[in-house]
Structures are given as structure tokens and as C-alpha cells.
Amino acid sequence: MAVPFRRAVMAALLVIGVPAAWPQDGAQRQHEPNTRVPKGVMAYAPTGFPDRIVASPAVDASSGFSVAWRTSTVVQAPLLEIVVAGDSPNMGVPRPLRAVTRALDTENGTAHHHRADAGGLQPDTLYAWRVQGDRTWSPWHHTRTAAGRDRPLTLLYFGDTQNKNVSLTTRVVREAMRHAPDARLALYAGDLVSGGDGEDDNEWGEWFEAGGALPTSMVAAPAPGNHEYFEEFEDTPQERRVLGAHWPVTFALPRNGAAEAKDSTYWFDYQDVRVVVIDGTSALDLGTAKAQAQWLDGVLTANPNRWSIVLTHQPFYSPREGRDNALLRRHLLPVIRKRKVDLVLQGHDHVYGRRLPGNAPTPVFVVSVAGAKQYRLSGHAREGMKPVAEDTQLFQVLRFDGARMRYEARTATGRLYDAFELLDDGSGAKRLVEQTDGRIDERSCMRAQTLKGRTDRCWE
């Protein structure tokens, strides 16, 4: 837009009392706070109305799912009601399921977090369900159970959301759902929130607000990131990492993890895919890498499915300068290679990078970021990964159909950034086929520093 015309329009807006939205020439964009909650405001205090409702898969996702939600402490042990969805509002008499309740104290007051497990369901069936509050109920939500192994599956994968969730993650989630309306499963590679700033509960409130309909229209399976932990006894000889109090109550995850990391590791089967979630923070900082490797080996050895995914936060091969998660490669990587894992989906480094194949096309190692915080790539990453990206919010769509898996990474505006297929010819090894048509050019950060003056990041 030409400058004189722009100034004329701004002047006209001021005349009629509309604030001018365009910045003056040469003006700098202002830094945005991590949440949009003003200081002293309790925007996400719990009430008698159910909120933070999220469905997660059962170990066998064809026969069940679990639901977590939050209310005020007035609600003690509420119900989940579930019934096969129908076209009439008269869907029949729902089955009531009593929830288990745990209390959580936060800056927004004490809340009750509830969990109910819906089992014994039929495969590939659309269920209507709702959860109870104080003399009130949530809307009826629809979630479909997993189908058989021979049926196609679409899932979404998100890297770190972490910062400015309502402001800038919302658009990524909506674009992902627009591109994959048939998705039944969403995987999150950790650092869903930033935490540690006295606004932890506000951040979780914003994560759910940014997610919109996603956590109730499909099942969500997150990995814990380092920001889901906090430092206990910080700056003392007793300092240690502790899993944050929100994590065990916010999601209703399978309870089948490694004994040494039972609240933060788990696995489940979704159609022809086994998904295993490991805890990189516990492995690196709490000494559980070896124990998790032994558990992972057992889970993958018993895998009856064609495909396998390992979901974790910290990358095995870091694309950010100065990071090297050697303990993961020492203990867990041999298991991943031995058991022929297809995909390792990761976050943490706030860039995009797909590791170039070595002697074998799988496992494919991917690092991605969905949220606002953006780092810079190392020189090593530019040499050993392709494609790579800086300054780019992304989501991924994965489609499994028999012997074929198609992977797409798309930007926040839906543009295709990366794509490949894995093909299984039955020989025991997958074949990777690059899909280059329609991809946009690789993106690099063009800013010398962030709005706060940091040169090691591109945006924050």
C-alpha cells in the first residue's frame, strides 16, 4: 500500500473515531507478553462449569478412551455420560461413569481435576459424551474410537506450543484441523506451556483455549517437556527436577509407563500404529535413561502393528547450537534402531529439521515447533538435516493407509514445507520416497535479534 494513501486512510479513521491500526513509518513491533492475562486478573479460575476437557486414548484405542476435566472444589466425584451418537437428540440412555477426583492448588485458587475411563466400547464408532459439573453439564462431545488395522488413519503432530498460546498457537491448531478434518489423534512433543513464571495455571488455561474443539473431537497424546517440570530447592545442594503438579491431572493418559517414570511415559495402539511416549527430561536429568530403554525395548518387541512412532521432547540429534543429548543416543537410540521404529517425533529446539537418512531410511527423526518461540539453527543442523526452517510455526499431518505412510509439514498458513512417504514392501525395511512437488522454499530468520535484543533467538 502506498504511504500517502495509507496516511489518508488513517486520518479518515481518526476523524470517525476509529483508532489507527497501522504503525507509523519505522515503528517497531512491541514485545508481547507470554499470556494475555493482565496482572491481578483471574481469567481462568475454576467454577462449577466443567472446563479443560480433553480425551486421551486407551491402551487399545479401538475399545476406549479416557477423559479429564476441571471444576471448582464444589464438585467432588462427578459423572461422565456416554452413548452411541445418533442423528436424533434422543440418543438413548447414556452409560454413567463415576470420575476419580484430585485437588490442585494454583494461582487461580484450588481446583478439582477429574478423570473417567470409558472402556468396553465398539471399534470405529462415534460416541457422544459429556461431563458433569455443579448442577450442570458440558456440551455433548463427539469422539470416534479407533478402527481396525486395515483402515486408514490420519493424525496430527505438533512441536512445542509453549508460549503465547492463545495469541499465536490458536491459528496453527485451526489450520491443522482445516487441513485434516478426518484426524482422530493429536500428538504433542512436549513443552505445551512455559511454566515457572507464577502463571502456570493461566498458561494451561490458554493452552486449552487455543486448542478449541481439538481436545474433545479427537484424542490427544502429549509427551512431557522440560517446561512441564520445575526446579525444587533451586540454588541449593538439594536442587532437583520435579514433574509439575498440572501434568498428572490435566490429561487422562494410559497407566502403563516405565516404573521409574510412571507418570510421564506410556504407550498405546491406534489402529496399525504403536505410539510410545518417552520422557527425555527424566532420562537426561533424573537418571532414568537406561530404565526407559529397557521398558521401551519390551514395548516395541511386543508390537503387532505395521508402524511404530516414538514421541519425545528432547531430540536425539539437536538442530540448535550448543545442545547435545548424548544420553538419549547412548541408551535409547540402540533400542529404536534395533526395533526398527519408523518415526521419532520431537520438539524442544524451536526450529524445524528432518535428519538426513544414514545407512537406512528409518527411523526418520523430525524436530518441529508449533508455537511462537523461535530459535536459530546450528551449522551442523544445516549440514545434517534437510529441509530445515527458522522463524516458522508448523503443524504436521500424517496419513497411514496400509503399506503407505504420507507425512506433511505445513506452515501456520497451510503452505507445504516438507513431505515424504514411507513404503512397506513386506521385506522388513521401509523405503523413503521424497515428495517435493508444491513445497515452498526453505525459510531462515532474517532478524538480527529479537524484540528483547537476544541474538540467539529469532522470536520470543
Protein backbone atom coordinates (compact mmCIF):
# COMPACT_ATOMS: atom_id res chain seq x y z
CA MET A 1 0.00 0.00 0.00
CA ALA A 2 1.40 3.43 -0.94
CA VAL A 3 2.39 5.59 2.04
CA PRO A 4 0.25 8.67 1.11
CA PHE A 5 -2.84 6.50 0.69
CA ARG A 6 -2.18 4.75 3.97
CA ARG A 7 -1.82 8.06 5.81
CA ALA A 8 -5.05 9.32 4.24
CA VAL A 9 -6.95 6.25 5.39
CA MET A 10 -5.52 6.55 8.91
CA ALA A 11 -6.57 10.20 9.06
CA ALA A 12 -10.09 9.29 7.94
CA LEU A 13 -10.33 6.62 10.61
CA LEU A 14 -9.34 9.11 13.28
CA VAL A 15 -11.99 11.56 12.08
CA ILE A 16 -14.75 8.98 12.56
CA GLY A 17 -13.36 7.85 15.91
CA VAL A 18 -11.70 4.56 14.83
CA PRO A 19 -8.19 4.03 16.26
CA ALA A 20 -5.48 3.85 13.59
CA ALA A 21 -4.28 0.24 13.34
CA TRP A 22 -1.17 0.74 11.21
CA PRO A 23 2.13 1.67 12.83
CA GLN A 24 3.94 4.85 11.92
CA ASP A 25 6.78 4.58 9.41
CA GLY A 26 9.83 2.98 11.03
CA ALA A 27 7.95 1.91 14.17
CA GLN A 28 8.97 -1.32 15.88
CA ARG A 29 6.51 -4.02 16.83
CA GLN A 30 6.14 -4.22 20.61
CA HIS A 31 7.06 -7.33 22.58
CA GLU A 32 4.02 -9.41 23.51
CA PRO A 33 3.64 -10.92 26.99
CA ASN A 34 3.53 -14.69 27.37
CA THR A 35 -0.16 -14.70 28.32
CA ARG A 36 -2.81 -12.13 27.60
CA VAL A 37 -3.98 -12.18 31.24
CA PRO A 38 -3.37 -8.78 32.89
CA LYS A 39 -1.63 -8.79 36.24
CA GLY A 40 -4.06 -9.37 39.10
CA VAL A 41 -6.81 -10.76 36.85
CA MET A 42 -8.15 -14.30 37.47
CA ALA A 43 -9.33 -15.14 33.97
CA TYR A 44 -9.07 -18.91 34.41
CA ALA A 45 -10.41 -19.51 37.91
CA PRO A 46 -12.28 -22.82 38.25
CA THR A 47 -16.07 -22.72 38.53
CA GLY A 48 -18.93 -25.19 38.75
CA PHE A 49 -18.94 -25.36 34.95
CA PRO A 50 -16.68 -28.12 33.54
CA ASP A 51 -13.69 -26.86 31.56
CA ARG A 52 -10.28 -28.06 30.34
CA ILE A 53 -11.98 -31.11 28.91
CA VAL A 54 -9.67 -33.44 26.99
CA ALA A 55 -9.97 -37.01 25.72
CA SER A 56 -6.94 -39.30 25.54
CA PRO A 57 -6.57 -42.80 24.07
CA ALA A 58 -6.87 -46.02 25.99
CA VAL A 59 -4.09 -48.58 25.53
CA ASP A 60 -6.33 -50.15 22.89
CA ALA A 61 -7.86 -47.08 21.32
CA SER A 62 -10.44 -49.15 19.47
CA SER A 63 -12.17 -50.10 22.72
CA GLY A 64 -11.97 -46.97 24.82
CA PHE A 65 -10.72 -43.53 25.70
CA SER A 66 -10.36 -41.54 28.90
CA VAL A 67 -11.45 -38.01 29.73
CA ALA A 68 -10.02 -35.41 32.09
CA TRP A 69 -11.72 -32.16 33.10
CA ARG A 70 -11.69 -29.47 35.78
CA THR A 71 -14.20 -27.80 38.09
CA SER A 72 -14.28 -25.90 41.35
CA THR A 73 -13.99 -27.82 44.61
CA VAL A 74 -17.77 -27.86 44.98
CA VAL A 75 -17.76 -30.81 42.57
CA GLN A 76 -16.49 -33.93 44.35
CA ALA A 77 -16.88 -37.04 42.15
CA PRO A 78 -18.83 -36.16 39.01
CA LEU A 79 -20.05 -38.37 36.19
CA LEU A 80 -19.12 -38.86 32.59
CA GLU A 81 -22.09 -39.96 30.47
CA ILE A 82 -21.51 -41.77 27.17
CA VAL A 83 -23.78 -43.15 24.46
CA VAL A 84 -23.50 -44.09 20.78
CA ALA A 85 -24.04 -40.85 18.87
CA GLY A 86 -27.24 -40.59 16.87
CA ASP A 87 -28.94 -38.21 14.48
CA SER A 88 -31.82 -37.55 16.88
CA PRO A 89 -31.33 -35.60 20.10
CA ASN A 90 -32.86 -38.70 21.69
CA MET A 91 -29.73 -40.85 21.56
CA GLY A 92 -30.92 -43.30 24.19
CA VAL A 93 -29.98 -43.72 27.82
CA PRO A 94 -26.29 -42.89 28.35
CA ARG A 95 -23.98 -45.03 30.45
CA PRO A 96 -22.83 -43.16 33.61
CA LEU A 97 -19.20 -43.45 34.68
CA ARG A 98 -18.01 -42.11 38.03
CA ALA A 99 -14.86 -39.97 37.94
CA VAL A 100 -11.83 -40.04 40.24
CA THR A 101 -11.02 -36.57 41.61
CA ARG A 102 -7.77 -34.89 42.66
CA ALA A 103 -7.27 -31.38 44.04
CA LEU A 104 -4.74 -28.88 42.71
CA ASP A 105 -3.77 -25.53 44.27
CA THR A 106 -2.77 -22.79 41.80
CA GLU A 107 -2.62 -19.00 41.45
CA ASN A 108 -6.25 -19.23 40.34
CA GLY A 109 -7.36 -21.00 43.50
CA THR A 110 -7.95 -24.65 44.33
CA ALA A 111 -9.49 -26.78 41.59
CA HIS A 112 -10.76 -30.32 41.36
CA HIS A 113 -9.45 -32.30 38.40
CA HIS A 114 -11.46 -35.34 37.37
CA ARG A 115 -10.75 -38.47 35.34
CA ALA A 116 -13.16 -41.04 33.92
CA ASP A 117 -12.23 -44.06 31.81
CA ALA A 118 -14.68 -45.23 29.16
CA GLY A 119 -13.92 -48.85 28.28
CA GLY A 120 -15.73 -51.69 26.55
CA LEU A 121 -16.56 -49.51 23.52
CA GLN A 122 -17.04 -50.68 19.95
CA PRO A 123 -14.35 -50.03 17.31
CA ASP A 124 -14.81 -47.30 14.71
CA THR A 125 -17.90 -45.98 16.46
CA LEU A 126 -18.85 -42.37 17.04
CA TYR A 127 -19.70 -41.77 20.70
CA ALA A 128 -21.43 -38.79 22.27
CA TRP A 129 -20.31 -37.94 25.77
CA ARG A 130 -20.48 -35.18 28.32
CA VAL A 131 -19.04 -34.45 31.76
CA GLN A 132 -20.68 -33.17 34.90
CA GLY A 133 -20.09 -30.03 36.93
CA ASP A 134 -22.03 -28.40 39.74
CA ARG A 135 -25.70 -28.86 38.75
CA THR A 136 -24.64 -28.52 35.14
CA TRP A 137 -23.08 -30.45 32.28
CA SER A 138 -20.67 -29.81 29.45
CA PRO A 139 -21.96 -29.90 25.88
CA TRP A 140 -22.24 -33.31 24.25
CA HIS A 141 -18.93 -34.01 22.50
CA HIS A 142 -18.27 -36.48 19.70
CA THR A 143 -15.24 -38.78 19.65
CA ARG A 144 -14.79 -41.80 17.38
CA THR A 145 -12.95 -44.88 18.58
CA ALA A 146 -10.11 -46.29 16.52
CA ALA A 147 -10.98 -48.58 13.62
CA GLY A 148 -9.32 -51.84 12.63
CA ARG A 149 -5.72 -52.10 11.50
CA ASP A 150 -6.77 -52.27 7.86
CA ARG A 151 -8.44 -48.84 7.93
CA PRO A 152 -6.72 -45.54 7.04
CA LEU A 153 -5.65 -43.25 9.89
CA THR A 154 -4.91 -39.53 9.92
CA LEU A 155 -3.14 -37.97 12.88
CA LEU A 156 -1.68 -34.56 13.75
CA TYR A 157 1.71 -33.87 15.29
CA PHE A 158 2.66 -30.58 16.95
CA GLY A 159 6.04 -29.46 18.24
CA ASP A 160 6.28 -27.12 21.23
CA THR A 161 3.31 -24.80 21.68
CA GLN A 162 4.69 -23.32 24.94
CA ASN A 163 4.44 -19.52 24.57
CA LYS A 164 1.65 -17.08 23.73
CA ASN A 165 -0.74 -19.98 23.20
CA VAL A 166 -3.98 -18.05 22.72
CA SER A 167 -2.33 -15.35 20.65
CA LEU A 168 -0.30 -17.45 18.23
CA THR A 169 -0.93 -21.19 18.72
CA THR A 170 -4.67 -20.82 18.05
CA ARG A 171 -4.15 -20.17 14.36
CA VAL A 172 -1.90 -23.23 13.98
CA VAL A 173 -4.45 -25.55 15.59
CA ARG A 174 -7.28 -24.21 13.45
CA GLU A 175 -5.25 -24.52 10.27
CA ALA A 176 -4.29 -28.08 11.19
CA MET A 177 -7.91 -29.08 11.72
CA ARG A 178 -8.88 -27.43 8.44
CA HIS A 179 -6.25 -29.43 6.56
CA ALA A 180 -7.01 -32.69 8.35
CA PRO A 181 -10.72 -32.77 9.21
CA ASP A 182 -10.52 -36.56 9.38
CA ALA A 183 -7.79 -36.60 12.06
CA ARG A 184 -8.56 -38.80 15.06
CA LEU A 185 -5.38 -38.42 17.09
CA ALA A 186 -3.14 -35.47 18.03
CA LEU A 187 0.43 -35.94 19.27
CA TYR A 188 2.24 -33.17 21.17
CA ALA A 189 6.01 -33.27 21.58
CA GLY A 190 6.16 -31.56 24.96
CA ASP A 191 6.50 -28.02 26.36
CA LEU A 192 2.82 -27.36 25.92
CA VAL A 193 3.27 -24.41 28.30
CA SER A 194 6.25 -22.42 29.54
CA GLY A 195 5.63 -22.53 33.29
CA GLY A 196 7.77 -21.39 36.17
CA ASP A 197 6.62 -17.78 35.98
CA GLY A 198 3.82 -17.74 38.54
CA GLU A 199 1.28 -18.05 35.74
CA ASP A 200 1.32 -21.81 35.25
CA ASP A 201 -2.43 -22.21 35.58
CA ASN A 202 -3.11 -19.26 33.29
CA GLU A 203 -0.85 -20.88 30.71
CA TRP A 204 -2.75 -24.16 30.91
CA GLY A 205 -5.98 -22.21 30.58
CA GLU A 206 -4.62 -20.58 27.44
CA TRP A 207 -3.44 -23.93 26.04
CA PHE A 208 -6.97 -25.28 26.26
CA GLU A 209 -8.47 -22.10 24.83
CA ALA A 210 -6.05 -22.24 21.90
CA GLY A 211 -6.96 -25.90 21.30
CA GLY A 212 -10.64 -25.09 20.83
CA ALA A 213 -12.56 -28.17 19.75
CA LEU A 214 -9.49 -30.35 19.14
CA PRO A 215 -9.15 -31.96 22.61
CA THR A 216 -12.75 -33.20 22.55
CA SER A 217 -13.21 -34.05 18.86
CA MET A 218 -10.18 -36.37 18.77
CA VAL A 219 -7.90 -37.96 21.36
CA ALA A 220 -4.76 -36.11 22.47
CA ALA A 221 -1.49 -37.76 23.48
CA PRO A 222 1.26 -35.44 24.79
CA ALA A 223 4.86 -36.05 25.79
CA PRO A 224 6.18 -34.10 28.79
CA GLY A 225 8.79 -31.45 28.09
CA ASN A 226 11.33 -29.84 30.37
CA HIS A 227 8.89 -26.95 30.92
CA GLU A 228 6.39 -29.39 32.39
CA TYR A 229 8.99 -29.78 35.16
CA PHE A 230 10.16 -27.28 37.76
CA GLU A 231 13.27 -26.86 39.90
CA GLU A 232 12.66 -27.86 43.52
CA PHE A 233 15.04 -26.38 46.13
CA GLU A 234 16.54 -24.20 43.40
CA ASP A 235 20.07 -22.85 44.05
CA THR A 236 20.63 -25.24 46.95
CA PRO A 237 22.58 -28.51 47.18
CA GLN A 238 19.21 -30.34 47.14
CA GLU A 239 18.10 -28.84 43.82
CA ARG A 240 16.33 -31.33 41.59
CA ARG A 241 13.85 -31.59 38.73
CA VAL A 242 10.27 -32.41 39.70
CA LEU A 243 7.35 -33.10 37.39
CA GLY A 244 4.88 -30.24 37.68
CA ALA A 245 1.63 -30.79 39.54
CA HIS A 246 -0.50 -29.99 36.49
CA TRP A 247 0.81 -32.86 34.37
CA PRO A 248 -0.67 -35.89 36.20
CA VAL A 249 -4.13 -34.31 36.49
CA THR A 250 -4.53 -32.40 33.23
CA PHE A 251 -4.59 -35.49 30.98
CA ALA A 252 -6.11 -38.95 31.47
CA LEU A 253 -3.22 -40.93 29.99
CA PRO A 254 -2.63 -44.70 29.96
CA ARG A 255 -1.02 -46.01 33.13
CA ASN A 256 1.49 -48.40 31.60
CA GLY A 257 4.76 -46.46 31.66
CA ALA A 258 8.24 -47.32 32.88
CA ALA A 259 8.27 -47.83 36.65
CA GLU A 260 10.95 -45.16 37.06
CA ALA A 261 8.89 -42.60 35.10
CA LYS A 262 5.37 -43.92 35.54
CA ASP A 263 3.58 -40.55 35.35
CA SER A 264 5.35 -39.37 32.21
CA THR A 265 5.81 -42.41 29.94
CA TYR A 266 3.16 -44.58 28.31
CA TRP A 267 2.18 -46.36 25.12
CA PHE A 268 -0.96 -47.18 23.16
CA ASP A 269 -2.10 -48.77 19.92
CA TYR A 270 -4.11 -46.77 17.43
CA GLN A 271 -5.17 -48.97 14.51
CA ASP A 272 -1.95 -50.17 12.83
CA VAL A 273 0.36 -47.82 14.78
CA ARG A 274 2.02 -48.29 18.14
CA VAL A 275 2.85 -44.94 19.77
CA VAL A 276 5.38 -44.93 22.61
CA VAL A 277 5.93 -41.77 24.67
CA ILE A 278 9.25 -41.43 26.47
CA ASP A 279 10.36 -38.71 28.90
CA GLY A 280 13.56 -37.06 27.77
CA THR A 281 13.79 -34.76 30.79
CA SER A 282 13.62 -37.69 33.19
CA ALA A 283 16.14 -39.60 31.09
CA LEU A 284 18.62 -36.73 30.92
CA ASP A 285 18.22 -35.12 34.35
CA LEU A 286 16.87 -37.81 36.64
CA GLY A 287 18.95 -40.80 35.54
CA THR A 288 16.17 -42.92 34.07
CA ALA A 289 17.55 -43.28 30.53
CA LYS A 290 18.65 -46.88 30.99
CA ALA A 291 15.41 -47.92 32.69
CA GLN A 292 13.33 -46.26 30.00
CA ALA A 293 15.38 -48.03 27.33
CA GLN A 294 14.65 -51.42 28.89
CA TRP A 295 10.95 -50.59 29.10
CA LEU A 296 10.93 -49.27 25.52
CA ASP A 297 12.55 -52.46 24.26
CA GLY A 298 9.82 -54.57 25.83
CA VAL A 299 7.04 -52.38 24.45
CA LEU A 300 8.44 -52.42 20.92
CA THR A 301 9.29 -56.13 20.97
CA ALA A 302 5.62 -56.92 21.56
CA ASN A 303 4.40 -54.57 18.82
CA PRO A 304 1.97 -56.41 16.49
CA ASN A 305 1.43 -53.38 14.24
CA ARG A 306 2.98 -52.44 10.92
CA TRP A 307 4.04 -48.96 12.10
CA SER A 308 5.70 -47.51 15.19
CA ILE A 309 6.24 -43.97 16.48
CA VAL A 310 8.37 -42.78 19.39
CA LEU A 311 7.23 -39.40 20.70
CA THR A 312 9.64 -37.43 22.88
CA HIS A 313 10.57 -33.87 23.71
CA GLN A 314 14.36 -33.59 23.51
CA PRO A 315 15.85 -34.50 20.11
CA PHE A 316 18.28 -37.35 19.65
CA TYR A 317 20.13 -35.10 17.18
CA SER A 318 19.74 -31.49 18.22
CA PRO A 319 19.43 -28.83 15.49
CA ARG A 320 20.18 -25.97 17.91
CA GLU A 321 23.70 -24.77 18.65
CA GLY A 322 25.15 -25.93 21.96
CA ARG A 323 22.75 -28.79 22.67
CA ASP A 324 23.69 -32.45 22.63
CA ASN A 325 21.51 -35.10 24.28
CA ALA A 326 24.14 -37.83 24.31
CA LEU A 327 22.42 -39.94 27.00
CA LEU A 328 19.43 -40.46 24.70
CA ARG A 329 21.68 -41.77 21.94
CA ARG A 330 23.67 -43.93 24.33
CA HIS A 331 20.73 -45.73 25.94
CA LEU A 332 17.56 -45.29 23.88
CA LEU A 333 18.77 -44.96 20.31
CA PRO A 334 20.07 -48.56 20.08
CA VAL A 335 16.60 -49.81 21.01
CA ILE A 336 14.92 -47.55 18.47
CA ARG A 337 17.21 -48.82 15.70
CA LYS A 338 17.05 -52.45 16.80
CA ARG A 339 13.24 -52.45 16.89
CA LYS A 340 13.04 -50.59 13.55
CA VAL A 341 10.99 -47.62 14.73
CA ASP A 342 9.62 -45.69 11.76
CA LEU A 343 9.29 -42.16 13.13
CA VAL A 344 10.81 -40.27 16.05
CA LEU A 345 8.78 -37.09 16.57
CA GLN A 346 10.44 -34.40 18.72
CA GLY A 347 10.35 -30.77 19.84
CA HIS A 348 12.43 -28.67 22.26
CA ASP A 349 14.67 -26.78 19.83
CA HIS A 350 12.06 -24.41 18.29
CA VAL A 351 13.19 -24.88 14.70
CA TYR A 352 12.33 -27.41 12.01
CA GLY A 353 14.70 -30.12 10.89
CA ARG A 354 14.45 -33.57 9.36
CA ARG A 355 17.62 -35.61 9.75
CA LEU A 356 19.08 -36.90 6.52
CA PRO A 357 18.92 -40.69 6.15
CA GLY A 358 22.03 -42.64 7.04
CA ASN A 359 22.51 -46.27 6.08
CA ALA A 360 18.78 -46.93 6.46
CA PRO A 361 15.80 -44.67 5.65
CA THR A 362 14.22 -45.26 9.05
CA PRO A 363 13.91 -44.17 11.72
CA VAL A 364 13.03 -40.72 10.44
CA PHE A 365 13.95 -38.08 13.04
CA VAL A 366 11.92 -34.87 12.93
CA VAL A 367 12.07 -31.76 15.13
CA SER A 368 9.29 -29.20 14.84
CA VAL A 369 7.73 -26.20 16.59
CA ALA A 370 4.13 -25.02 16.61
CA GLY A 371 4.39 -22.06 18.97
CA ALA A 372 5.73 -18.53 18.97
CA LYS A 373 9.22 -19.02 20.40
CA GLN A 374 11.72 -19.44 17.55
CA TYR A 375 15.41 -20.34 17.85
CA ARG A 376 18.24 -20.46 15.31
CA LEU A 377 19.73 -23.47 13.55
CA SER A 378 23.26 -24.68 14.15
CA GLY A 379 25.69 -25.08 11.27
CA HIS A 380 25.69 -28.81 11.98
CA ALA A 381 21.92 -28.95 11.52
CA ARG A 382 22.16 -27.21 8.15
CA GLU A 383 24.63 -29.88 7.06
CA GLY A 384 22.90 -32.93 8.52
CA MET A 385 19.21 -32.09 8.10
CA LYS A 386 17.02 -31.30 5.12
CA PRO A 387 14.75 -29.47 4.96
CA VAL A 388 15.33 -27.10 7.85
CA ALA A 389 13.50 -23.94 8.88
CA GLU A 390 13.78 -20.97 11.20
CA ASP A 391 11.11 -18.42 12.11
CA THR A 392 8.27 -20.76 11.11
CA GLN A 393 5.26 -22.10 13.00
CA LEU A 394 4.33 -25.57 11.77
CA PHE A 395 1.98 -28.49 12.14
CA GLN A 396 2.27 -31.98 10.69
CA VAL A 397 -0.31 -34.27 9.11
CA LEU A 398 0.47 -38.00 8.97
CA ARG A 399 -1.70 -40.39 6.95
CA PHE A 400 -1.34 -44.16 7.34
CA ASP A 401 -3.00 -46.35 4.73
CA GLY A 402 -1.92 -49.97 4.69
CA ALA A 403 1.66 -50.19 3.45
CA ARG A 404 1.95 -46.44 2.84
CA MET A 405 2.52 -43.54 5.24
CA ARG A 406 2.49 -39.95 3.99
CA TYR A 407 4.00 -37.17 6.10
CA GLU A 408 3.38 -33.47 5.51
CA ALA A 409 4.74 -30.48 7.44
CA ARG A 410 2.75 -27.31 6.81
CA THR A 411 3.22 -23.73 7.95
CA ALA A 412 0.78 -21.76 10.07
CA THR A 413 -0.82 -20.53 6.84
CA GLY A 414 -1.15 -24.07 5.46
CA ARG A 415 1.69 -23.99 2.95
CA LEU A 416 3.51 -27.26 2.30
CA TYR A 417 7.01 -27.19 3.76
CA ASP A 418 8.12 -30.83 3.84
CA ALA A 419 6.66 -34.10 2.58
CA PHE A 420 7.74 -37.69 2.17
CA GLU A 421 6.28 -41.18 2.07
CA LEU A 422 7.35 -44.39 3.77
CA LEU A 423 6.50 -47.56 1.87
CA ASP A 424 6.46 -51.05 3.37
CA ASP A 425 7.05 -53.76 0.77
CA GLY A 426 6.97 -56.52 3.37
CA SER A 427 10.73 -57.13 3.33
CA GLY A 428 11.17 -55.84 6.88
CA ALA A 429 12.58 -52.47 5.86
CA LYS A 430 10.67 -49.36 4.83
CA ARG A 431 11.52 -47.26 1.76
CA LEU A 432 11.51 -43.44 1.94
CA VAL A 433 10.27 -41.50 -1.08
CA GLU A 434 10.72 -37.72 -1.11
CA GLN A 435 7.71 -35.67 -2.16
CA THR A 436 8.95 -32.30 -3.42
CA ASP A 437 6.04 -31.02 -5.51
CA GLY A 438 4.38 -27.97 -4.00
CA ARG A 439 6.94 -27.34 -1.27
CA ILE A 440 7.86 -23.74 -0.54
CA ASP A 441 11.50 -22.64 -0.26
CA GLU A 442 13.44 -23.16 2.95
CA ARG A 443 12.95 -20.36 5.44
CA SER A 444 15.65 -18.63 7.51
CA CYS A 445 15.41 -15.97 10.19
CA MET A 446 16.02 -12.53 8.69
CA ARG A 447 16.14 -10.65 12.03
CA ALA A 448 19.44 -9.89 13.72
CA GLN A 449 17.84 -10.05 17.17
CA THR A 450 14.53 -10.43 18.96
CA LEU A 451 12.43 -7.55 20.23
CA LYS A 452 14.13 -8.07 23.60
CA GLY A 453 17.55 -7.85 21.96
CA ARG A 454 18.51 -11.56 22.04
CA THR A 455 20.67 -12.63 19.14
CA ASP A 456 20.49 -16.37 19.93
CA ARG A 457 16.77 -16.43 19.10
CA CYS A 458 14.65 -15.25 16.22
CA TRP A 459 11.40 -14.59 18.09
CA GLU A 460 10.19 -14.97 21.68
